[in-house]
C-alpha atoms as a PDB file:
ATOM      1  CA  ARG A   1      99.518   1.731 -15.209  1.00  0.00           C
ATOM      2  CA  GLN A   2     101.569  -1.312 -14.840  1.00  0.00           C
ATOM      3  CA  LEU A   3     103.110   0.769 -11.644  1.00  0.00           C
ATOM      4  CA  VAL A   4      99.927   0.536 -10.267  1.00  0.00           C
ATOM      5  CA  VAL A   5      99.493  -3.237 -10.947  1.00  0.00           C
ATOM      6  CA  LEU A   6     102.657  -4.496  -9.830  1.00  0.00           C
ATOM      7  CA  VAL A   7     102.596  -2.712  -6.525  1.00  0.00           C
ATOM      8  CA  VAL A   8      99.337  -3.965  -5.525  1.00  0.00           C
ATOM      9  CA  ARG A   9     100.530  -7.853  -6.968  1.00  0.00           C
ATOM     10  CA  ALA A  10     103.550  -6.944  -5.170  1.00  0.00           C
ATOM     11  CA  PHE A  11     101.191  -6.524  -2.077  1.00  0.00           C
ATOM     12  CA  VAL A  12      99.007  -8.860  -2.089  1.00  0.00           C
ATOM     13  CA  ASP A  13     101.922 -11.984  -3.073  1.00  0.00           C
ATOM     14  CA  GLU A  14     104.155 -10.357   0.775  1.00  0.00           C
ATOM     15  CA  LEU A  15     100.247 -10.820   2.500  1.00  0.00           C
ATOM     16  CA  LYS A  16      99.899 -14.481   0.841  1.00  0.00           C
ATOM     17  CA  ASP A  17     102.586 -15.842   3.695  1.00  0.00           C
ATOM     18  CA  PRO A  18     100.858 -14.022   6.682  1.00  0.00           C
ATOM     19  CA  GLN A  19     103.070 -16.350   8.950  1.00  0.00           C
ATOM     20  CA  LYS A  20     106.265 -14.749   7.299  1.00  0.00           C
ATOM     21  CA  PHE A  21     105.098 -11.203   7.703  1.00  0.00           C
ATOM     22  CA  LEU A  22     103.917 -12.340  11.732  1.00  0.00           C
ATOM     23  CA  GLN A  23     107.124 -13.889  12.075  1.00  0.00           C
ATOM     24  CA  SER A  24     109.624 -11.106  10.432  1.00  0.00           C
ATOM     25  CA  VAL A  25     107.558  -8.733  12.767  1.00  0.00           C
ATOM     26  CA  VAL A  26     107.730 -10.809  16.331  1.00  0.00           C
ATOM     27  CA  VAL A  27     111.717 -11.610  15.240  1.00  0.00           C
ATOM     28  CA  LYS A  28     112.349  -7.724  15.244  1.00  0.00           C
ATOM     29  CA  SER A  29     110.625  -6.907  18.123  1.00  0.00           C
ATOM     30  CA  ILE A  30     112.240  -9.821  20.590  1.00  0.00           C
ATOM     31  CA  ILE A  31     115.969  -8.312  18.961  1.00  0.00           C
ATOM     32  CA  GLY A  32     114.666  -4.905  19.938  1.00  0.00           C
ATOM     33  CA  SER A  33     113.564  -5.838  23.290  1.00  0.00           C
ATOM     34  CA  ILE A  34     117.011  -7.885  23.788  1.00  0.00           C
ATOM     35  CA  VAL A  35     118.750  -4.543  22.740  1.00  0.00           C
ATOM     36  CA  GLY A  36     116.676  -2.858  24.795  1.00  0.00           C
ATOM     37  CA  ILE A  37     117.209  -5.232  28.073  1.00  0.00           C
ATOM     38  CA  VAL A  38     120.940  -4.824  27.351  1.00  0.00           C
ATOM     39  CA  TRP A  39     121.241  -1.183  26.917  1.00  0.00           C
ATOM     40  CA  GLN A  40     118.125  -0.582  29.654  1.00  0.00           C
ATOM     41  CA  GLY A  41     118.161   2.823  31.129  1.00  0.00           C
ATOM     42  CA  GLN A  42     121.886   4.042  29.480  1.00  0.00           C
ATOM     43  CA  ALA A  43     120.455   6.658  27.461  1.00  0.00           C
ATOM     44  CA  GLY A  44     121.079  10.118  28.954  1.00  0.00           C
ATOM     45  CA  ALA A  45     122.455  14.091  28.744  1.00  0.00           C
ATOM     46  CA  THR A  46     126.112  13.633  30.351  1.00  0.00           C
ATOM     47  CA  GLN A  47     128.806  12.511  28.416  1.00  0.00           C
ATOM     48  CA  GLU A  48     129.291   8.761  30.024  1.00  0.00           C
ATOM     49  CA  SER A  49     125.986   8.258  28.941  1.00  0.00           C
ATOM     50  CA  ILE A  50     127.252   8.794  24.547  1.00  0.00           C
ATOM     51  CA  PHE A  51     129.261   5.774  24.454  1.00  0.00           C
ATOM     52  CA  PRO A  52     126.227   2.996  25.986  1.00  0.00           C
ATOM     53  CA  THR A  53     123.344   4.879  23.621  1.00  0.00           C
ATOM     54  CA  GLN A  54     126.177   4.772  20.179  1.00  0.00           C
ATOM     55  CA  GLY A  55     126.599   0.685  21.200  1.00  0.00           C
ATOM     56  CA  ALA A  56     122.678   0.051  20.822  1.00  0.00           C
ATOM     57  CA  PHE A  57     122.582   2.279  18.172  1.00  0.00           C
ATOM     58  CA  PHE A  58     125.531   0.974  16.335  1.00  0.00           C
ATOM     59  CA  VAL A  59     123.048  -2.379  17.006  1.00  0.00           C
ATOM     60  CA  CYS A  60     119.709  -1.215  15.264  1.00  0.00           C
ATOM     61  CA  LEU A  61     122.008   0.340  12.228  1.00  0.00           C
ATOM     62  CA  ILE A  62     123.629  -2.940  11.853  1.00  0.00           C
ATOM     63  CA  ASN A  63     119.943  -5.262  12.550  1.00  0.00           C
ATOM     64  CA  SER A  64     118.258  -3.195   9.942  1.00  0.00           C
ATOM     65  CA  THR A  65     121.115  -3.108   7.253  1.00  0.00           C
ATOM     66  CA  MET A  66     122.417  -6.818   7.000  1.00  0.00           C
ATOM     67  CA  ASP A  67     119.197  -8.962   7.126  1.00  0.00           C
ATOM     68  CA  THR A  68     117.345  -6.334   4.915  1.00  0.00           C
ATOM     69  CA  ILE A  69     120.120  -6.467   2.856  1.00  0.00           C
ATOM     70  CA  MET A  70     120.477 -10.197   2.339  1.00  0.00           C
ATOM     71  CA  ILE A  71     116.859 -11.195   2.170  1.00  0.00           C
ATOM     72  CA  ASN A  72     116.414  -9.145  -0.929  1.00  0.00           C
ATOM     73  CA  ALA A  73     119.893  -9.711  -2.533  1.00  0.00           C
ATOM     74  CA  LEU A  74     118.780 -13.564  -2.374  1.00  0.00           C
ATOM     75  CA  ALA A  75     115.300 -13.540  -3.337  1.00  0.00           C
ATOM     76  CA  LEU A  76     115.832 -11.842  -6.409  1.00  0.00           C
ATOM     77  CA  PRO A  77     118.072 -14.328  -8.426  1.00  0.00           C
ATOM     78  CA  THR A  78     115.520 -17.372  -7.515  1.00  0.00           C
ATOM     79  CA  ARG A  79     112.827 -15.025  -8.823  1.00  0.00           C
ATOM     80  CA  ARG A  80     114.784 -13.978 -11.994  1.00  0.00           C
ATOM     81  CA  ALA A  81     113.586 -16.531 -14.720  1.00  0.00           C
ATOM     82  CA  LEU A  82     109.599 -15.663 -13.988  1.00  0.00           C
ATOM     83  CA  ILE A  83     110.461 -12.179 -14.026  1.00  0.00           C
ATOM     84  CA  LEU A  84     112.242 -12.628 -17.533  1.00  0.00           C
ATOM     85  CA  ARG A  85     109.841 -14.546 -18.740  1.00  0.00           C
ATOM     86  CA  GLU A  86     106.867 -12.279 -18.051  1.00  0.00           C
ATOM     87  CA  HIS A  87     109.497  -8.852 -19.211  1.00  0.00           C
ATOM     88  CA  ARG A  88     110.048 -10.930 -22.540  1.00  0.00           C
ATOM     89  CA  ASN A  89     105.831 -11.593 -22.918  1.00  0.00           C
ATOM     90  CA  GLY A  90     105.527  -7.512 -22.880  1.00  0.00           C
ATOM     91  CA  TYR A  91     103.599  -8.101 -19.592  1.00  0.00           C
ATOM     92  CA  TYR A  92     105.304  -5.278 -17.976  1.00  0.00           C
ATOM     93  CA  ALA A  93     108.812  -2.784 -17.927  1.00  0.00           C
ATOM     94  CA  LEU A  94     111.357  -3.814 -15.958  1.00  0.00           C
ATOM     95  CA  PRO A  95     111.929  -0.549 -14.245  1.00  0.00           C
ATOM     96  CA  ALA A  96     107.986  -0.329 -13.290  1.00  0.00           C
ATOM     97  CA  PHE A  97     108.876  -4.339 -11.874  1.00  0.00           C
ATOM     98  CA  PHE A  98     111.927  -2.822  -9.571  1.00  0.00           C
ATOM     99  CA  LEU A  99     110.115  -0.217  -8.318  1.00  0.00           C
ATOM    100  CA  SER A 100     106.625  -1.436  -7.218  1.00  0.00           C
ATOM    101  CA  SER A 101     108.812  -4.353  -5.793  1.00  0.00           C
ATOM    102  CA  ILE A 102     111.161  -1.459  -3.974  1.00  0.00           C
ATOM    103  CA  ALA A 103     108.320   0.389  -2.980  1.00  0.00           C
ATOM    104  CA  VAL A 104     106.630  -2.409  -1.423  1.00  0.00           C
ATOM    105  CA  LYS A 105     109.446  -4.211   0.571  1.00  0.00           C
ATOM    106  CA  CYS A 106     110.328  -0.925   1.762  1.00  0.00           C
ATOM    107  CA  PHE A 107     106.902  -0.259   3.475  1.00  0.00           C
ATOM    108  CA  PHE A 108     106.431  -3.640   4.565  1.00  0.00           C
ATOM    109  CA  MET A 109     110.193  -2.974   6.117  1.00  0.00           C
ATOM    110  CA  MET A 110     108.921   0.327   7.934  1.00  0.00           C
ATOM    111  CA  ILE A 111     106.369  -2.076   9.859  1.00  0.00           C
ATOM    112  CA  ASN A 112     109.517  -3.920  11.430  1.00  0.00           C
ATOM    113  CA  SER A 113     111.819  -1.201  11.668  1.00  0.00           C
ATOM    114  CA  LEU A 114     108.603   0.304  13.784  1.00  0.00           C
ATOM    115  CA  ALA A 115     108.996  -3.466  15.452  1.00  0.00           C
ATOM    116  CA  LEU A 116     112.041  -2.954  16.617  1.00  0.00           C
ATOM    117  CA  SER A 117     112.290   0.998  17.370  1.00  0.00           C
ATOM    118  CA  VAL A 118     109.527   0.462  20.256  1.00  0.00           C
ATOM    119  CA  PRO A 119     111.496  -1.428  22.758  1.00  0.00           C
ATOM    120  CA  ILE A 120     114.950   0.442  22.039  1.00  0.00           C
ATOM    121  CA  TYR A 121     113.937   3.927  22.411  1.00  0.00           C
ATOM    122  CA  PHE A 122     111.814   2.971  25.505  1.00  0.00           C
ATOM    123  CA  LEU A 123     113.643   0.435  27.484  1.00  0.00           C
ATOM    124  CA  VAL A 124     117.247   2.469  26.548  1.00  0.00           C
ATOM    125  CA  GLY A 125     116.084   5.572  28.010  1.00  0.00           C
ATOM    126  CA  LEU A 126     115.688   7.839  25.026  1.00  0.00           C
ATOM    127  CA  ARG A 127     113.492  11.383  24.686  1.00  0.00           C
ATOM    128  CA  LEU A 128     109.728  10.993  25.441  1.00  0.00           C
ATOM    129  CA  ASN A 129     109.095  13.224  23.013  1.00  0.00           C
ATOM    130  CA  LEU A 130     106.419  12.469  20.349  1.00  0.00           C
ATOM    131  CA  GLN A 131     108.885  14.196  17.746  1.00  0.00           C
ATOM    132  CA  ALA A 132     112.129  12.638  18.576  1.00  0.00           C
ATOM    133  CA  PHE A 133     110.486   9.159  18.786  1.00  0.00           C
ATOM    134  CA  LEU A 134     108.927   9.719  14.972  1.00  0.00           C
ATOM    135  CA  THR A 135     112.571  10.678  13.819  1.00  0.00           C
ATOM    136  CA  PHE A 136     113.971   7.593  15.339  1.00  0.00           C
ATOM    137  CA  VAL A 137     111.807   5.767  13.477  1.00  0.00           C
ATOM    138  CA  ALA A 138     112.065   7.778  10.551  1.00  0.00           C
ATOM    139  CA  VAL A 139     116.001   6.894  10.547  1.00  0.00           C
ATOM    140  CA  LEU A 140     115.153   3.240  10.690  1.00  0.00           C
ATOM    141  CA  SER A 141     112.849   2.771   8.455  1.00  0.00           C
ATOM    142  CA  SER A 142     115.215   4.888   5.774  1.00  0.00           C
ATOM    143  CA  ILE A 143     118.659   2.566   6.778  1.00  0.00           C
ATOM    144  CA  SER A 144     116.301  -0.262   6.048  1.00  0.00           C
ATOM    145  CA  TRP A 145     114.896   1.038   2.293  1.00  0.00           C
ATOM    146  CA  ILE A 146     118.832   1.876   1.703  1.00  0.00           C
ATOM    147  CA  GLY A 147     119.240  -1.582   2.434  1.00  0.00           C
ATOM    148  CA  VAL A 148     116.357  -3.095   0.278  1.00  0.00           C
ATOM    149  CA  VAL A 149     117.890  -0.945  -2.805  1.00  0.00           C
ATOM    150  CA  PHE A 150     121.222  -2.153  -2.080  1.00  0.00           C
ATOM    151  CA  GLY A 151     120.340  -5.852  -1.921  1.00  0.00           C
ATOM    152  CA  PHE A 152     118.322  -5.470  -5.354  1.00  0.00           C
ATOM    153  CA  ALA A 153     120.880  -4.130  -6.601  1.00  0.00           C
ATOM    154  CA  ILE A 154     123.267  -6.925  -5.501  1.00  0.00           C
ATOM    155  CA  GLY A 155     120.225  -9.474  -6.416  1.00  0.00           C
ATOM    156  CA  SER A 156     120.493  -7.644 -10.122  1.00  0.00           C
ATOM    157  CA  LEU A 157     124.648  -8.270 -10.506  1.00  0.00           C
ATOM    158  CA  VAL A 158     123.842 -11.767  -9.827  1.00  0.00           C
ATOM    159  CA  ASN A 159     122.666 -15.414 -10.622  1.00  0.00           C
ATOM    160  CA  ASN A 160     122.581 -17.743  -8.035  1.00  0.00           C
ATOM    161  CA  PHE A 161     122.210 -17.407  -4.834  1.00  0.00           C
ATOM    162  CA  GLN A 162     125.708 -18.678  -3.925  1.00  0.00           C
ATOM    163  CA  GLN A 163     126.767 -16.050  -5.843  1.00  0.00           C
ATOM    164  CA  ALA A 164     124.443 -13.219  -4.069  1.00  0.00           C
ATOM    165  CA  GLN A 165     125.936 -14.608  -0.655  1.00  0.00           C
ATOM    166  CA  ALA A 166     129.698 -14.063  -1.603  1.00  0.00           C
ATOM    167  CA  MET A 167     128.834 -10.708  -2.194  1.00  0.00           C
ATOM    168  CA  VAL A 168     126.644  -9.192   0.395  1.00  0.00           C
ATOM    169  CA  ALA A 169     129.747  -9.593   2.900  1.00  0.00           C
ATOM    170  CA  PRO A 170     131.829  -7.675   1.261  1.00  0.00           C
ATOM    171  CA  SER A 171     129.892  -4.842   0.024  1.00  0.00           C
ATOM    172  CA  ILE A 172     128.475  -4.769   3.920  1.00  0.00           C
ATOM    173  CA  ILE A 173     131.804  -3.936   5.165  1.00  0.00           C
ATOM    174  CA  PRO A 174     132.772  -0.367   3.718  1.00  0.00           C
ATOM    175  CA  LEU A 175     129.091   0.024   5.002  1.00  0.00           C
ATOM    176  CA  ILE A 176     129.826  -0.760   8.529  1.00  0.00           C
ATOM    177  CA  LEU A 177     133.406   0.711   8.086  1.00  0.00           C
ATOM    178  CA  PHE A 178     132.457   3.641   7.534  1.00  0.00           C
ATOM    179  CA  SER A 179     129.271   4.353   9.144  1.00  0.00           C
ATOM    180  CA  GLY A 180     130.623   6.632  11.756  1.00  0.00           C
ATOM    181  CA  TYR A 181     130.649   4.271  14.793  1.00  0.00           C
ATOM    182  CA  MET A 182     133.911   2.399  14.107  1.00  0.00           C
ATOM    183  CA  ILE A 183     135.488   5.430  12.767  1.00  0.00           C
ATOM    184  CA  PRO A 184     134.622   8.769  14.075  1.00  0.00           C
ATOM    185  CA  TYR A 185     134.034  10.911  10.463  1.00  0.00           C
ATOM    186  CA  HIS A 186     136.715  13.751  11.215  1.00  0.00           C
ATOM    187  CA  GLN A 187     138.908  10.906  11.140  1.00  0.00           C
ATOM    188  CA  ILE A 188     137.887   8.593   7.618  1.00  0.00           C
END
């Protein structure tokens, strides 16, 4: 019951500022358009098209994780006093709060992933196949969801905004290095 109430509350909180939501979708669309224009028509079925397409995928990966981790890691310390007060007053259990917050953030990240995916997918010239497109969106959404959870984990460990900023960068470096884009999988 707590989970349902907290999901509704988190959803309403996210929609209280529609300008912020719209801004994030527009920014993702613009980034997707820029990436799509830079790598326009680079996808193909030849060996030469692998490297440029891989570059576009890497930019998608970085964009889907970095800002998501940062936003969620920085948001939690600013809300910590409210969360602890409500928890101590017995309003809800912490697992219900975190599950509801993560679920709602993941939902909105899925919309952002779609806004990023559409221009990149079609401008880069990836396969015109519904299943391939949906797979692309699903993978970017999954990466964003990992960023949400990772950001919440970092935000839970730190006490303030500065500690969150200091902890995000060193924790992202291994993700970038071992993503398979910098070092091939067989050499990791």
